[in-house]
Amino acid sequence: MNRICELFGIRYPIIQGGMVWCSGWRLASAVSQAGGLGLLGAGSMHPETLVEHIRKMKAATDRPWGVNVPLMYPEIDRLMDILIREEVKIVFTSAGSPKKFTPMLHEAGVTVAHVVSSSKFARKCEEAGVDAIVAEGFEAGGHNGREETTTLTLIPQVRRATGLPVVAAGGIGSGDAMLAAMALGAEGVQIGTLFALSAESSASEAFKQRCLALDEGGTMLCLKKLSPTRLVRNGLFDKVAEAEARGANAEELRDILGKAASKRGIFEGDTEQGELEIGQIASSVDAIRPAGDIVRQLVENFRKAQKDVAAIGF
């Protein structure tokens, strides 16, 4: 049996990324109901809001689901207490070291996965005791690793570095890409962009439509003096790029972004002066579809790709 499916108790090794301002209970429950693993995105939720979404998830589905937790979260200890008190069974951590919280989560019966951008961090995560690794290439939207390693390059290196189940992330938007990731050593995929642009995503309609209109090259990596982030090229991006080109320091870049830049862009729909986080694969998305349909199409396309590749031969 597929180790990712076995570990999380899911039908398909498809994980919906826990994205800020997109991944509420409606999206996560729809993915879980379709046989994947839905994740709530705690990074953009106040603690009280997270509790509300957790309880709505429990009411919406009896399938496995989890919560994505950026470890840079300002009230991280309070958030971890909530996850344990509310008996969340699956937690994906990112943006920090999982060493401190993994033993505590395990003691509470929680399965832990951690997102990495290099084989070096994959080894450290295995030493920290996590149950699975999400290896994310720099095609992904939002915050990225400083290594700028592509998914195609990253997955086989992480596979060699650890015996843990590996989930591929970054630039995966089809069943064909799923098959490619698994050929390289992944046992599952984490998908953000497709689900960020789904019907159940809590992102604004303006954000979704802006992303649907993107061409290849419509996103770029920037903010390297803060935290490397893939953004849509818009008015705010141009201001950041100009400042970076003349050597602006981190403080000036924060001033240019202003407060709640990602909320302004993704959730409130300011498509010119907001931070629009989305992956490179957005240029291949042409419609807003229900999350369940996305899961089913991924599976169908994956199985067709298997047959097509087997028929090539040499």
C-alpha atoms as a PDB file:
ATOM      1  CA  MET A   1       0.000   0.000   0.000  1.00  0.00           C
ATOM      2  CA  ASN A   2       1.111   3.558  -0.639  1.00  0.00           C
ATOM      3  CA  ARG A   3       2.831   4.784   2.556  1.00  0.00           C
ATOM      4  CA  ILE A   4       1.296   8.265   2.394  1.00  0.00           C
ATOM      5  CA  CYS A   5      -2.218   6.832   2.057  1.00  0.00           C
ATOM      6  CA  GLU A   6      -1.509   4.429   4.923  1.00  0.00           C
ATOM      7  CA  LEU A   7       0.035   7.090   7.167  1.00  0.00           C
ATOM      8  CA  PHE A   8      -2.846   9.538   6.833  1.00  0.00           C
ATOM      9  CA  GLY A   9      -5.674   7.075   6.247  1.00  0.00           C
ATOM     10  CA  ILE A  10      -6.641   8.555   2.868  1.00  0.00           C
ATOM     11  CA  ARG A  11      -7.714   7.010  -0.441  1.00  0.00           C
ATOM     12  CA  TYR A  12      -5.511   9.065  -2.759  1.00  0.00           C
ATOM     13  CA  PRO A  13      -2.001  10.432  -2.007  1.00  0.00           C
ATOM     14  CA  ILE A  14      -3.161  13.979  -2.765  1.00  0.00           C
ATOM     15  CA  ILE A  15      -2.714  16.645  -0.085  1.00  0.00           C
ATOM     16  CA  GLN A  16      -4.214  20.104  -0.344  1.00  0.00           C
ATOM     17  CA  GLY A  17      -1.724  22.711   0.825  1.00  0.00           C
ATOM     18  CA  GLY A  18      -2.685  24.688   3.931  1.00  0.00           C
ATOM     19  CA  MET A  19      -2.469  28.091   2.251  1.00  0.00           C
ATOM     20  CA  VAL A  20      -2.999  31.432   3.964  1.00  0.00           C
ATOM     21  CA  TRP A  21      -6.328  33.105   3.149  1.00  0.00           C
ATOM     22  CA  CYS A  22      -7.395  30.156   0.959  1.00  0.00           C
ATOM     23  CA  SER A  23      -7.581  27.033   3.097  1.00  0.00           C
ATOM     24  CA  GLY A  24     -10.611  27.235   5.328  1.00  0.00           C
ATOM     25  CA  TRP A  25     -12.959  24.445   6.367  1.00  0.00           C
ATOM     26  CA  ARG A  26     -14.990  24.497   3.138  1.00  0.00           C
ATOM     27  CA  LEU A  27     -11.966  23.766   0.961  1.00  0.00           C
ATOM     28  CA  ALA A  28     -10.303  21.315   3.344  1.00  0.00           C
ATOM     29  CA  SER A  29     -13.481  19.298   3.941  1.00  0.00           C
ATOM     30  CA  ALA A  30     -14.223  19.117   0.189  1.00  0.00           C
ATOM     31  CA  VAL A  31     -10.764  17.676  -0.515  1.00  0.00           C
ATOM     32  CA  SER A  32     -11.035  15.178   2.338  1.00  0.00           C
ATOM     33  CA  GLN A  33     -14.507  14.115   1.228  1.00  0.00           C
ATOM     34  CA  ALA A  34     -13.101  13.437  -2.257  1.00  0.00           C
ATOM     35  CA  GLY A  35     -10.451  11.068  -0.873  1.00  0.00           C
ATOM     36  CA  GLY A  36      -7.463  13.386  -0.448  1.00  0.00           C
ATOM     37  CA  LEU A  37      -6.160  15.114   2.665  1.00  0.00           C
ATOM     38  CA  GLY A  38      -7.547  18.577   3.331  1.00  0.00           C
ATOM     39  CA  LEU A  39      -5.509  20.976   5.456  1.00  0.00           C
ATOM     40  CA  LEU A  40      -6.655  24.089   7.272  1.00  0.00           C
ATOM     41  CA  GLY A  41      -4.240  27.006   6.804  1.00  0.00           C
ATOM     42  CA  ALA A  42      -3.590  28.222  10.356  1.00  0.00           C
ATOM     43  CA  GLY A  43      -1.057  30.823   9.228  1.00  0.00           C
ATOM     44  CA  SER A  44      -3.744  33.413   8.464  1.00  0.00           C
ATOM     45  CA  MET A  45      -6.097  32.573  11.345  1.00  0.00           C
ATOM     46  CA  HIS A  46      -6.364  34.079  14.802  1.00  0.00           C
ATOM     47  CA  PRO A  47      -6.489  31.320  17.445  1.00  0.00           C
ATOM     48  CA  GLU A  48     -10.248  31.775  17.925  1.00  0.00           C
ATOM     49  CA  THR A  49     -10.792  31.558  14.165  1.00  0.00           C
ATOM     50  CA  LEU A  50      -8.781  28.348  13.980  1.00  0.00           C
ATOM     51  CA  VAL A  51     -10.931  26.785  16.713  1.00  0.00           C
ATOM     52  CA  GLU A  52     -14.042  27.720  14.720  1.00  0.00           C
ATOM     53  CA  HIS A  53     -12.677  26.132  11.541  1.00  0.00           C
ATOM     54  CA  ILE A  54     -11.554  22.982  13.367  1.00  0.00           C
ATOM     55  CA  ARG A  55     -15.026  22.479  14.804  1.00  0.00           C
ATOM     56  CA  LYS A  56     -16.677  23.115  11.440  1.00  0.00           C
ATOM     57  CA  MET A  57     -14.316  20.553   9.878  1.00  0.00           C
ATOM     58  CA  LYS A  58     -15.408  17.967  12.426  1.00  0.00           C
ATOM     59  CA  ALA A  59     -19.027  18.627  11.507  1.00  0.00           C
ATOM     60  CA  ALA A  60     -18.398  18.640   7.744  1.00  0.00           C
ATOM     61  CA  THR A  61     -16.453  15.395   7.290  1.00  0.00           C
ATOM     62  CA  ASP A  62     -15.589  12.151   9.028  1.00  0.00           C
ATOM     63  CA  ARG A  63     -12.607  11.647   6.706  1.00  0.00           C
ATOM     64  CA  PRO A  64      -8.996  12.394   7.762  1.00  0.00           C
ATOM     65  CA  TRP A  65      -7.882  16.033   7.672  1.00  0.00           C
ATOM     66  CA  GLY A  66      -5.220  18.187   9.269  1.00  0.00           C
ATOM     67  CA  VAL A  67      -3.848  21.653   9.985  1.00  0.00           C
ATOM     68  CA  ASN A  68      -0.858  23.415   8.433  1.00  0.00           C
ATOM     69  CA  VAL A  69       1.144  25.411  11.006  1.00  0.00           C
ATOM     70  CA  PRO A  70       3.944  27.847  10.092  1.00  0.00           C
ATOM     71  CA  LEU A  71       6.289  27.655  13.073  1.00  0.00           C
ATOM     72  CA  MET A  72       6.944  31.403  12.797  1.00  0.00           C
ATOM     73  CA  TYR A  73       3.325  31.939  13.939  1.00  0.00           C
ATOM     74  CA  PRO A  74       3.354  34.728  16.584  1.00  0.00           C
ATOM     75  CA  GLU A  75       1.367  32.738  19.172  1.00  0.00           C
ATOM     76  CA  ILE A  76       2.774  29.319  18.311  1.00  0.00           C
ATOM     77  CA  ASP A  77       2.579  27.855  21.828  1.00  0.00           C
ATOM     78  CA  ARG A  78      -1.059  28.848  22.171  1.00  0.00           C
ATOM     79  CA  LEU A  79      -1.805  27.417  18.754  1.00  0.00           C
ATOM     80  CA  MET A  80      -0.176  24.084  19.594  1.00  0.00           C
ATOM     81  CA  ASP A  81      -2.253  23.907  22.778  1.00  0.00           C
ATOM     82  CA  ILE A  82      -5.380  24.408  20.666  1.00  0.00           C
ATOM     83  CA  LEU A  83      -4.418  21.624  18.264  1.00  0.00           C
ATOM     84  CA  ILE A  84      -3.922  19.198  21.130  1.00  0.00           C
ATOM     85  CA  ARG A  85      -7.025  20.298  23.039  1.00  0.00           C
ATOM     86  CA  GLU A  86      -9.189  20.046  19.909  1.00  0.00           C
ATOM     87  CA  GLU A  87      -7.718  16.585  19.175  1.00  0.00           C
ATOM     88  CA  VAL A  88      -6.398  17.393  15.709  1.00  0.00           C
ATOM     89  CA  LYS A  89      -4.801  14.186  14.428  1.00  0.00           C
ATOM     90  CA  ILE A  90      -2.599  15.436  11.569  1.00  0.00           C
ATOM     91  CA  VAL A  91      -0.318  18.497  11.601  1.00  0.00           C
ATOM     92  CA  PHE A  92       1.915  19.789   8.807  1.00  0.00           C
ATOM     93  CA  THR A  93       4.576  22.195  10.066  1.00  0.00           C
ATOM     94  CA  SER A  94       6.706  24.590   8.023  1.00  0.00           C
ATOM     95  CA  ALA A  95       8.977  27.646   8.224  1.00  0.00           C
ATOM     96  CA  GLY A  96      11.138  26.562  11.147  1.00  0.00           C
ATOM     97  CA  SER A  97      12.534  23.544  12.960  1.00  0.00           C
ATOM     98  CA  PRO A  98      10.075  20.815  13.995  1.00  0.00           C
ATOM     99  CA  LYS A  99      12.420  19.602  16.746  1.00  0.00           C
ATOM    100  CA  LYS A 100      10.669  21.401  19.615  1.00  0.00           C
ATOM    101  CA  PHE A 101       7.064  20.513  18.895  1.00  0.00           C
ATOM    102  CA  THR A 102       7.194  17.067  17.263  1.00  0.00           C
ATOM    103  CA  PRO A 103       7.639  15.099  20.545  1.00  0.00           C
ATOM    104  CA  MET A 104       4.774  17.016  22.156  1.00  0.00           C
ATOM    105  CA  LEU A 105       2.503  16.384  19.168  1.00  0.00           C
ATOM    106  CA  HIS A 106       3.448  12.702  19.056  1.00  0.00           C
ATOM    107  CA  GLU A 107       2.643  12.363  22.744  1.00  0.00           C
ATOM    108  CA  ALA A 108      -0.849  13.635  21.918  1.00  0.00           C
ATOM    109  CA  GLY A 109      -1.235  11.064  19.136  1.00  0.00           C
ATOM    110  CA  VAL A 110      -0.644  13.503  16.263  1.00  0.00           C
ATOM    111  CA  THR A 111       0.968  12.500  12.962  1.00  0.00           C
ATOM    112  CA  VAL A 112       3.516  15.141  11.912  1.00  0.00           C
ATOM    113  CA  ALA A 113       4.835  16.113   8.490  1.00  0.00           C
ATOM    114  CA  HIS A 114       7.252  18.971   7.856  1.00  0.00           C
ATOM    115  CA  VAL A 115       7.909  21.040   4.727  1.00  0.00           C
ATOM    116  CA  VAL A 116      11.534  21.379   3.562  1.00  0.00           C
ATOM    117  CA  SER A 117      13.363  22.880   0.609  1.00  0.00           C
ATOM    118  CA  SER A 118      16.575  20.824   0.771  1.00  0.00           C
ATOM    119  CA  SER A 119      17.880  17.349   1.541  1.00  0.00           C
ATOM    120  CA  LYS A 120      19.894  18.826   4.428  1.00  0.00           C
ATOM    121  CA  PHE A 121      16.700  19.911   6.197  1.00  0.00           C
ATOM    122  CA  ALA A 122      15.047  16.598   5.326  1.00  0.00           C
ATOM    123  CA  ARG A 123      17.748  14.779   7.302  1.00  0.00           C
ATOM    124  CA  LYS A 124      17.305  17.156  10.248  1.00  0.00           C
ATOM    125  CA  CYS A 125      13.561  16.522  10.182  1.00  0.00           C
ATOM    126  CA  GLU A 126      14.099  12.773  10.271  1.00  0.00           C
ATOM    127  CA  GLU A 127      16.358  13.265  13.290  1.00  0.00           C
ATOM    128  CA  ALA A 128      13.598  15.375  14.876  1.00  0.00           C
ATOM    129  CA  GLY A 129      11.234  12.412  14.540  1.00  0.00           C
ATOM    130  CA  VAL A 130       8.662  13.642  12.004  1.00  0.00           C
ATOM    131  CA  ASP A 131       6.561  11.026  10.211  1.00  0.00           C
ATOM    132  CA  ALA A 132       6.807  12.375   6.654  1.00  0.00           C
ATOM    133  CA  ILE A 133       8.618  15.004   4.592  1.00  0.00           C
ATOM    134  CA  VAL A 134       7.088  17.468   2.160  1.00  0.00           C
ATOM    135  CA  ALA A 135       9.819  18.448  -0.307  1.00  0.00           C
ATOM    136  CA  GLU A 136       8.805  21.726  -1.948  1.00  0.00           C
ATOM    137  CA  GLY A 137      10.520  23.104  -5.024  1.00  0.00           C
ATOM    138  CA  PHE A 138      10.735  26.804  -5.787  1.00  0.00           C
ATOM    139  CA  GLU A 139       7.984  26.637  -8.416  1.00  0.00           C
ATOM    140  CA  ALA A 140       5.585  26.817  -5.479  1.00  0.00           C
ATOM    141  CA  GLY A 141       3.652  29.947  -4.631  1.00  0.00           C
ATOM    142  CA  GLY A 142       4.205  31.963  -1.478  1.00  0.00           C
ATOM    143  CA  HIS A 143       7.207  31.442   0.788  1.00  0.00           C
ATOM    144  CA  ASN A 144      10.064  29.412  -0.667  1.00  0.00           C
ATOM    145  CA  GLY A 145      13.419  28.053   0.371  1.00  0.00           C
ATOM    146  CA  ARG A 146      16.520  30.134  -0.233  1.00  0.00           C
ATOM    147  CA  GLU A 147      18.102  27.333  -2.250  1.00  0.00           C
ATOM    148  CA  GLU A 148      15.833  27.948  -5.279  1.00  0.00           C
ATOM    149  CA  THR A 149      15.945  24.222  -6.065  1.00  0.00           C
ATOM    150  CA  THR A 150      13.329  23.035  -8.526  1.00  0.00           C
ATOM    151  CA  THR A 151      11.006  20.146  -7.678  1.00  0.00           C
ATOM    152  CA  LEU A 152      12.497  17.994 -10.432  1.00  0.00           C
ATOM    153  CA  THR A 153      15.925  18.356  -8.837  1.00  0.00           C
ATOM    154  CA  LEU A 154      14.830  18.308  -5.192  1.00  0.00           C
ATOM    155  CA  ILE A 155      12.726  15.137  -4.986  1.00  0.00           C
ATOM    156  CA  PRO A 156      15.403  12.542  -5.902  1.00  0.00           C
ATOM    157  CA  GLN A 157      17.910  14.211  -3.583  1.00  0.00           C
ATOM    158  CA  VAL A 158      15.493  14.175  -0.652  1.00  0.00           C
ATOM    159  CA  ARG A 159      14.572  10.589  -1.506  1.00  0.00           C
ATOM    160  CA  ARG A 160      18.220   9.591  -1.176  1.00  0.00           C
ATOM    161  CA  ALA A 161      18.618  11.555   2.061  1.00  0.00           C
ATOM    162  CA  THR A 162      15.792   9.998   4.076  1.00  0.00           C
ATOM    163  CA  GLY A 163      13.849   6.787   4.482  1.00  0.00           C
ATOM    164  CA  LEU A 164      10.697   8.663   5.454  1.00  0.00           C
ATOM    165  CA  PRO A 165       7.725   8.913   3.080  1.00  0.00           C
ATOM    166  CA  VAL A 166       8.247  11.910   0.798  1.00  0.00           C
ATOM    167  CA  VAL A 167       5.524  14.191  -0.539  1.00  0.00           C
ATOM    168  CA  ALA A 168       6.404  16.311  -3.578  1.00  0.00           C
ATOM    169  CA  ALA A 169       5.236  19.925  -3.776  1.00  0.00           C
ATOM    170  CA  GLY A 170       5.803  22.854  -6.113  1.00  0.00           C
ATOM    171  CA  GLY A 171       4.640  23.062  -9.718  1.00  0.00           C
ATOM    172  CA  ILE A 172       2.329  20.044  -9.546  1.00  0.00           C
ATOM    173  CA  GLY A 173      -0.948  20.731 -11.306  1.00  0.00           C
ATOM    174  CA  SER A 174      -1.855  17.534 -13.136  1.00  0.00           C
ATOM    175  CA  GLY A 175      -1.886  13.759 -12.890  1.00  0.00           C
ATOM    176  CA  ASP A 176       1.045  13.701 -15.302  1.00  0.00           C
ATOM    177  CA  ALA A 177       3.070  15.783 -12.844  1.00  0.00           C
ATOM    178  CA  MET A 178       2.000  13.478 -10.024  1.00  0.00           C
ATOM    179  CA  LEU A 179       3.344  10.501 -11.969  1.00  0.00           C
ATOM    180  CA  ALA A 180       6.614  12.317 -12.665  1.00  0.00           C
ATOM    181  CA  ALA A 181       7.031  13.143  -8.962  1.00  0.00           C
ATOM    182  CA  MET A 182       6.438   9.535  -7.992  1.00  0.00           C
ATOM    183  CA  ALA A 183       8.891   8.312 -10.609  1.00  0.00           C
ATOM    184  CA  LEU A 184      11.475  10.492  -8.867  1.00  0.00           C
ATOM    185  CA  GLY A 185      10.779   8.945  -5.451  1.00  0.00           C
ATOM    186  CA  ALA A 186       7.795  10.773  -3.965  1.00  0.00           C
ATOM    187  CA  GLU A 187       4.889   8.754  -2.585  1.00  0.00           C
ATOM    188  CA  GLY A 188       2.377  11.583  -2.659  1.00  0.00           C
ATOM    189  CA  VAL A 189       1.892  15.168  -3.761  1.00  0.00           C
ATOM    190  CA  GLN A 190       0.917  18.387  -2.026  1.00  0.00           C
ATOM    191  CA  ILE A 191      -0.951  20.762  -4.305  1.00  0.00           C
ATOM    192  CA  GLY A 192      -1.572  24.414  -3.557  1.00  0.00           C
ATOM    193  CA  THR A 193      -2.322  26.473  -6.656  1.00  0.00           C
ATOM    194  CA  LEU A 194      -5.093  24.284  -8.106  1.00  0.00           C
ATOM    195  CA  PHE A 195      -6.942  24.334  -4.789  1.00  0.00           C
ATOM    196  CA  ALA A 196      -6.267  28.036  -4.152  1.00  0.00           C
ATOM    197  CA  LEU A 197      -8.181  28.670  -7.377  1.00  0.00           C
ATOM    198  CA  SER A 198     -10.999  26.222  -6.603  1.00  0.00           C
ATOM    199  CA  ALA A 199     -14.626  27.074  -5.931  1.00  0.00           C
ATOM    200  CA  GLU A 200     -14.302  26.382  -2.199  1.00  0.00           C
ATOM    201  CA  SER A 201     -11.128  28.422  -1.686  1.00  0.00           C
ATOM    202  CA  SER A 202     -11.735  31.409   0.586  1.00  0.00           C
ATOM    203  CA  ALA A 203      -9.556  33.620  -1.624  1.00  0.00           C
ATOM    204  CA  SER A 204     -11.374  36.547  -3.234  1.00  0.00           C
ATOM    205  CA  GLU A 205     -12.917  36.214  -6.674  1.00  0.00           C
ATOM    206  CA  ALA A 206     -10.697  39.065  -7.879  1.00  0.00           C
ATOM    207  CA  PHE A 207      -7.572  37.148  -6.836  1.00  0.00           C
ATOM    208  CA  LYS A 208      -8.770  33.985  -8.556  1.00  0.00           C
ATOM    209  CA  GLN A 209      -9.576  35.765 -11.799  1.00  0.00           C
ATOM    210  CA  ARG A 210      -6.233  37.602 -11.780  1.00  0.00           C
ATOM    211  CA  CYS A 211      -4.408  34.291 -11.402  1.00  0.00           C
ATOM    212  CA  LEU A 212      -6.474  32.586 -14.112  1.00  0.00           C
ATOM    213  CA  ALA A 213      -5.316  35.292 -16.534  1.00  0.00           C
ATOM    214  CA  LEU A 214      -1.592  34.688 -15.906  1.00  0.00           C
ATOM    215  CA  ASP A 215       0.754  33.695 -18.713  1.00  0.00           C
ATOM    216  CA  GLU A 216       4.009  31.779 -18.276  1.00  0.00           C
ATOM    217  CA  GLY A 217       6.396  33.966 -16.315  1.00  0.00           C
ATOM    218  CA  GLY A 218       3.537  35.792 -14.631  1.00  0.00           C
ATOM    219  CA  THR A 219       5.007  35.005 -11.210  1.00  0.00           C
ATOM    220  CA  MET A 220       8.514  35.662  -9.922  1.00  0.00           C
ATOM    221  CA  LEU A 221      10.515  35.018  -6.768  1.00  0.00           C
ATOM    222  CA  CYS A 222      11.327  38.147  -4.782  1.00  0.00           C
ATOM    223  CA  LEU A 223      11.763  39.498  -1.218  1.00  0.00           C
ATOM    224  CA  LYS A 224      14.964  37.519  -0.758  1.00  0.00           C
ATOM    225  CA  LYS A 225      16.169  39.826   2.032  1.00  0.00           C
ATOM    226  CA  LEU A 226      13.024  38.987   4.018  1.00  0.00           C
ATOM    227  CA  SER A 227      11.764  35.552   3.041  1.00  0.00           C
ATOM    228  CA  PRO A 228      11.895  34.454  -0.612  1.00  0.00           C
ATOM    229  CA  THR A 229       8.321  34.606  -1.914  1.00  0.00           C
ATOM    230  CA  ARG A 230       6.760  33.794  -5.279  1.00  0.00           C
ATOM    231  CA  LEU A 231       4.312  36.527  -6.256  1.00  0.00           C
ATOM    232  CA  VAL A 232       2.224  37.609  -9.200  1.00  0.00           C
ATOM    233  CA  ARG A 233       3.871  40.486 -11.058  1.00  0.00           C
ATOM    234  CA  ASN A 234       1.652  43.467 -10.250  1.00  0.00           C
ATOM    235  CA  GLY A 235       2.041  47.047  -9.003  1.00  0.00           C
ATOM    236  CA  LEU A 236       3.304  46.001  -5.597  1.00  0.00           C
ATOM    237  CA  PHE A 237       5.711  43.494  -7.110  1.00  0.00           C
ATOM    238  CA  ASP A 238       7.129  46.220  -9.369  1.00  0.00           C
ATOM    239  CA  LYS A 239       7.777  48.481  -6.358  1.00  0.00           C
ATOM    240  CA  VAL A 240       9.526  45.637  -4.521  1.00  0.00           C
ATOM    241  CA  ALA A 241      11.589  44.677  -7.584  1.00  0.00           C
ATOM    242  CA  GLU A 242      12.705  48.280  -8.122  1.00  0.00           C
ATOM    243  CA  ALA A 243      13.704  48.602  -4.463  1.00  0.00           C
ATOM    244  CA  GLU A 244      15.607  45.305  -4.515  1.00  0.00           C
ATOM    245  CA  ALA A 245      17.429  46.344  -7.691  1.00  0.00           C
ATOM    246  CA  ARG A 246      18.802  49.451  -5.980  1.00  0.00           C
ATOM    247  CA  GLY A 247      19.803  47.524  -2.864  1.00  0.00           C
ATOM    248  CA  ALA A 248      16.978  48.350  -0.447  1.00  0.00           C
ATOM    249  CA  ASN A 249      17.368  46.821   3.010  1.00  0.00           C
ATOM    250  CA  ALA A 250      14.857  44.591   4.769  1.00  0.00           C
ATOM    251  CA  GLU A 251      13.266  47.445   6.693  1.00  0.00           C
ATOM    252  CA  GLU A 252      12.523  49.404   3.519  1.00  0.00           C
ATOM    253  CA  LEU A 253      11.034  46.318   1.895  1.00  0.00           C
ATOM    254  CA  ARG A 254       8.714  45.843   4.894  1.00  0.00           C
ATOM    255  CA  ASP A 255       7.624  49.457   4.561  1.00  0.00           C
ATOM    256  CA  ILE A 256       6.810  48.955   0.885  1.00  0.00           C
ATOM    257  CA  LEU A 257       4.731  45.863   1.638  1.00  0.00           C
ATOM    258  CA  GLY A 258       2.821  47.549   4.440  1.00  0.00           C
ATOM    259  CA  LYS A 259       0.635  45.696   6.890  1.00  0.00           C
ATOM    260  CA  ALA A 260      -1.249  42.520   5.959  1.00  0.00           C
ATOM    261  CA  ALA A 261      -0.077  42.564   2.336  1.00  0.00           C
ATOM    262  CA  SER A 262      -1.128  38.976   1.615  1.00  0.00           C
ATOM    263  CA  LYS A 263      -4.552  39.484   3.207  1.00  0.00           C
ATOM    264  CA  ARG A 264      -4.966  42.639   1.151  1.00  0.00           C
ATOM    265  CA  GLY A 265      -4.160  40.800  -2.067  1.00  0.00           C
ATOM    266  CA  ILE A 266      -5.510  37.283  -1.643  1.00  0.00           C
ATOM    267  CA  PHE A 267      -8.481  37.736   0.690  1.00  0.00           C
ATOM    268  CA  GLU A 268      -9.581  41.310   0.022  1.00  0.00           C
ATOM    269  CA  GLY A 269      -8.858  41.277  -3.704  1.00  0.00           C
ATOM    270  CA  ASP A 270      -6.527  44.256  -4.165  1.00  0.00           C
ATOM    271  CA  THR A 271      -4.855  42.801  -7.226  1.00  0.00           C
ATOM    272  CA  GLU A 272      -2.507  45.743  -7.853  1.00  0.00           C
ATOM    273  CA  GLN A 273      -1.241  46.771  -4.409  1.00  0.00           C
ATOM    274  CA  GLY A 274      -1.723  43.482  -2.549  1.00  0.00           C
ATOM    275  CA  GLU A 275       0.651  40.534  -2.249  1.00  0.00           C
ATOM    276  CA  LEU A 276      -0.620  37.835  -4.629  1.00  0.00           C
ATOM    277  CA  GLU A 277       0.965  34.514  -3.691  1.00  0.00           C
ATOM    278  CA  ILE A 278       0.489  31.766  -6.288  1.00  0.00           C
ATOM    279  CA  GLY A 279       2.624  29.107  -7.958  1.00  0.00           C
ATOM    280  CA  GLN A 280       4.076  28.968 -11.462  1.00  0.00           C
ATOM    281  CA  ILE A 281       1.530  26.335 -12.468  1.00  0.00           C
ATOM    282  CA  ALA A 282      -1.234  28.976 -12.300  1.00  0.00           C
ATOM    283  CA  SER A 283      -0.608  29.792 -15.965  1.00  0.00           C
ATOM    284  CA  SER A 284      -2.010  26.367 -16.896  1.00  0.00           C
ATOM    285  CA  VAL A 285      -5.229  26.744 -14.853  1.00  0.00           C
ATOM    286  CA  ASP A 286      -8.110  27.939 -17.012  1.00  0.00           C
ATOM    287  CA  ALA A 287     -11.213  27.608 -14.828  1.00  0.00           C
ATOM    288  CA  ILE A 288     -12.460  27.640 -11.242  1.00  0.00           C
ATOM    289  CA  ARG A 289     -13.682  24.141 -10.428  1.00  0.00           C
ATOM    290  CA  PRO A 290     -15.003  22.386  -7.309  1.00  0.00           C
ATOM    291  CA  ALA A 291     -12.220  20.853  -5.219  1.00  0.00           C
ATOM    292  CA  GLY A 292     -13.763  17.391  -5.447  1.00  0.00           C
ATOM    293  CA  ASP A 293     -13.691  17.565  -9.241  1.00  0.00           C
ATOM    294  CA  ILE A 294     -10.033  18.596  -9.090  1.00  0.00           C
ATOM    295  CA  VAL A 295      -9.166  15.527  -7.012  1.00  0.00           C
ATOM    296  CA  ARG A 296     -11.088  13.210  -9.335  1.00  0.00           C
ATOM    297  CA  GLN A 297      -9.490  14.698 -12.450  1.00  0.00           C
ATOM    298  CA  LEU A 298      -6.009  14.377 -10.940  1.00  0.00           C
ATOM    299  CA  VAL A 299      -6.601  10.686 -10.244  1.00  0.00           C
ATOM    300  CA  GLU A 300      -8.069  10.041 -13.705  1.00  0.00           C
ATOM    301  CA  ASN A 301      -5.222  11.889 -15.408  1.00  0.00           C
ATOM    302  CA  PHE A 302      -2.627  10.063 -13.264  1.00  0.00           C
ATOM    303  CA  ARG A 303      -3.976   6.662 -14.286  1.00  0.00           C
ATOM    304  CA  LYS A 304      -4.079   7.643 -17.956  1.00  0.00           C
ATOM    305  CA  ALA A 305      -0.501   8.918 -17.723  1.00  0.00           C
ATOM    306  CA  GLN A 306       0.595   5.588 -16.242  1.00  0.00           C
ATOM    307  CA  LYS A 307      -0.786   3.767 -19.279  1.00  0.00           C
ATOM    308  CA  ASP A 308       0.642   6.282 -21.732  1.00  0.00           C
ATOM    309  CA  VAL A 309       4.140   5.993 -20.265  1.00  0.00           C
ATOM    310  CA  ALA A 310       3.951   2.190 -20.152  1.00  0.00           C
ATOM    311  CA  ALA A 311       3.003   2.175 -23.836  1.00  0.00           C
ATOM    312  CA  ILE A 312       6.032   4.230 -24.902  1.00  0.00           C
ATOM    313  CA  GLY A 313       8.635   1.529 -24.266  1.00  0.00           C
ATOM    314  CA  PHE A 314      12.088   1.352 -25.816  1.00  0.00           C
END
